[in-house]
Structure formats: C-alpha cells, structure tokens
Amino acid sequence: MVSTSCTHKPYHPTKSEREWTTDHEACEVWVREGIRAEPDTYDNFDEMRLIRQCMKNKGWHWERTSLFNFKKEPAE
C-alpha cells in the first residue's frame, strides 16, 4: 500500500478555496483549446505546466502545508 499527501496547498489573497475549482476548470479549458491547435508539440507535462501558469496569472500561489513546515529549534 502506498500513502501520499500533498506538500503544498493553493492560496489566493482575495478568493476562497472553493473559487480555486472554478479558476482551475477555466484554465484547463483554455490550455486544452490551445493544445488542440498544435497537439504534436505538447505533452502531459506541458499541459500541467501551462495550467499552473494560468493559475498563477489569476493570482494563485502555493504554500507548504503544515505537515511539511518544519520549525527550527531555537539555538541555546
């Protein structure tokens, strides 16, 4: 059995996490329409990269989840 977890979560200064879904779907549609125009020049990694760039253009950022935010021990 394999267990995985996300190390980052989306963050936007003025939008709720629910709005992430709407923005992500719009980015998927936009990217896939562009890829259909030139399908031989894109692969799955390009699609993911372009969707992420579209989300960044909409103001979304990714921050580490608390599971992976390690706190440094204070120096003694």
Protein backbone atom coordinates (compact mmCIF):
# COMPACT_ATOMS: atom_id res chain seq x y z
CA MET A 1 0.00 0.00 0.00
CA VAL A 2 1.25 3.48 -0.89
CA SER A 3 0.38 6.60 1.03
CA THR A 4 0.85 10.05 -0.44
CA SER A 5 -0.01 13.53 0.71
CA CYS A 6 0.14 16.98 -0.77
CA THR A 7 3.05 19.12 0.27
CA HIS A 8 1.53 22.37 -0.99
CA LYS A 9 -1.92 23.93 -0.99
CA PRO A 10 -3.30 26.74 -3.15
CA TYR A 11 -3.61 30.22 -1.70
CA HIS A 12 -5.15 33.42 -3.06
CA PRO A 13 -5.22 36.69 -1.11
CA THR A 14 -8.82 37.59 -2.06
CA LYS A 15 -10.50 34.35 -3.19
CA SER A 16 -11.83 31.38 -1.24
CA GLU A 17 -10.52 27.85 -1.72
CA ARG A 18 -13.82 26.99 -3.44
CA GLU A 19 -13.05 29.53 -6.16
CA TRP A 20 -9.87 27.58 -6.92
CA THR A 21 -12.00 24.90 -8.60
CA THR A 22 -13.71 27.41 -10.88
CA ASP A 23 -10.43 29.05 -11.85
CA HIS A 24 -8.74 25.67 -12.38
CA GLU A 25 -11.53 24.44 -14.66
CA ALA A 26 -11.32 27.66 -16.71
CA CYS A 27 -7.55 27.23 -17.03
CA GLU A 28 -7.95 23.58 -18.11
CA VAL A 29 -10.37 24.60 -20.86
CA TRP A 30 -8.13 27.45 -22.02
CA VAL A 31 -4.99 25.28 -22.10
CA ARG A 32 -6.66 22.32 -23.82
CA GLU A 33 -8.12 24.56 -26.53
CA GLY A 34 -4.62 25.87 -27.22
CA ILE A 35 -3.14 22.39 -27.25
CA ARG A 36 -5.76 21.18 -29.73
CA ALA A 37 -4.43 23.73 -32.20
CA GLU A 38 -0.95 22.12 -32.09
CA PRO A 39 -1.29 18.68 -30.45
CA ASP A 40 2.06 17.31 -31.63
CA THR A 41 4.06 19.96 -29.77
CA TYR A 42 2.59 19.39 -26.27
CA ASP A 43 2.64 16.52 -23.79
CA ASN A 44 1.03 15.97 -20.36
CA PHE A 45 3.81 17.81 -18.56
CA ASP A 46 3.34 20.85 -20.80
CA GLU A 47 -0.39 20.77 -20.04
CA MET A 48 0.22 20.72 -16.27
CA ARG A 49 2.82 23.49 -16.54
CA LEU A 50 0.51 25.70 -18.61
CA ILE A 51 -2.41 25.16 -16.22
CA ARG A 52 -0.20 26.09 -13.28
CA GLN A 53 0.99 29.22 -15.10
CA CYS A 54 -2.62 30.18 -15.86
CA MET A 55 -3.48 29.78 -12.17
CA LYS A 56 -0.51 31.98 -11.22
CA ASN A 57 -1.74 34.58 -13.70
CA LYS A 58 -5.09 34.52 -11.86
CA GLY A 59 -3.26 35.28 -8.61
CA TRP A 60 -2.98 31.81 -7.08
CA HIS A 61 0.15 30.80 -5.17
CA TRP A 62 1.14 27.57 -3.46
CA GLU A 63 2.34 27.38 0.10
CA ARG A 64 3.67 24.44 2.07
CA THR A 65 1.16 22.52 4.14
CA SER A 66 1.66 22.39 7.89
CA LEU A 67 2.72 18.75 7.58
CA PHE A 68 5.92 19.89 5.88
CA ASN A 69 6.53 23.21 7.67
CA PHE A 70 9.38 22.21 9.91
CA LYS A 71 10.14 24.58 12.75
CA LYS A 72 13.75 25.17 13.62
CA GLU A 73 14.72 24.56 17.20
CA PRO A 74 15.85 27.76 18.92
CA ALA A 75 19.60 27.99 19.42
CA GLU A 76 20.71 27.62 23.02
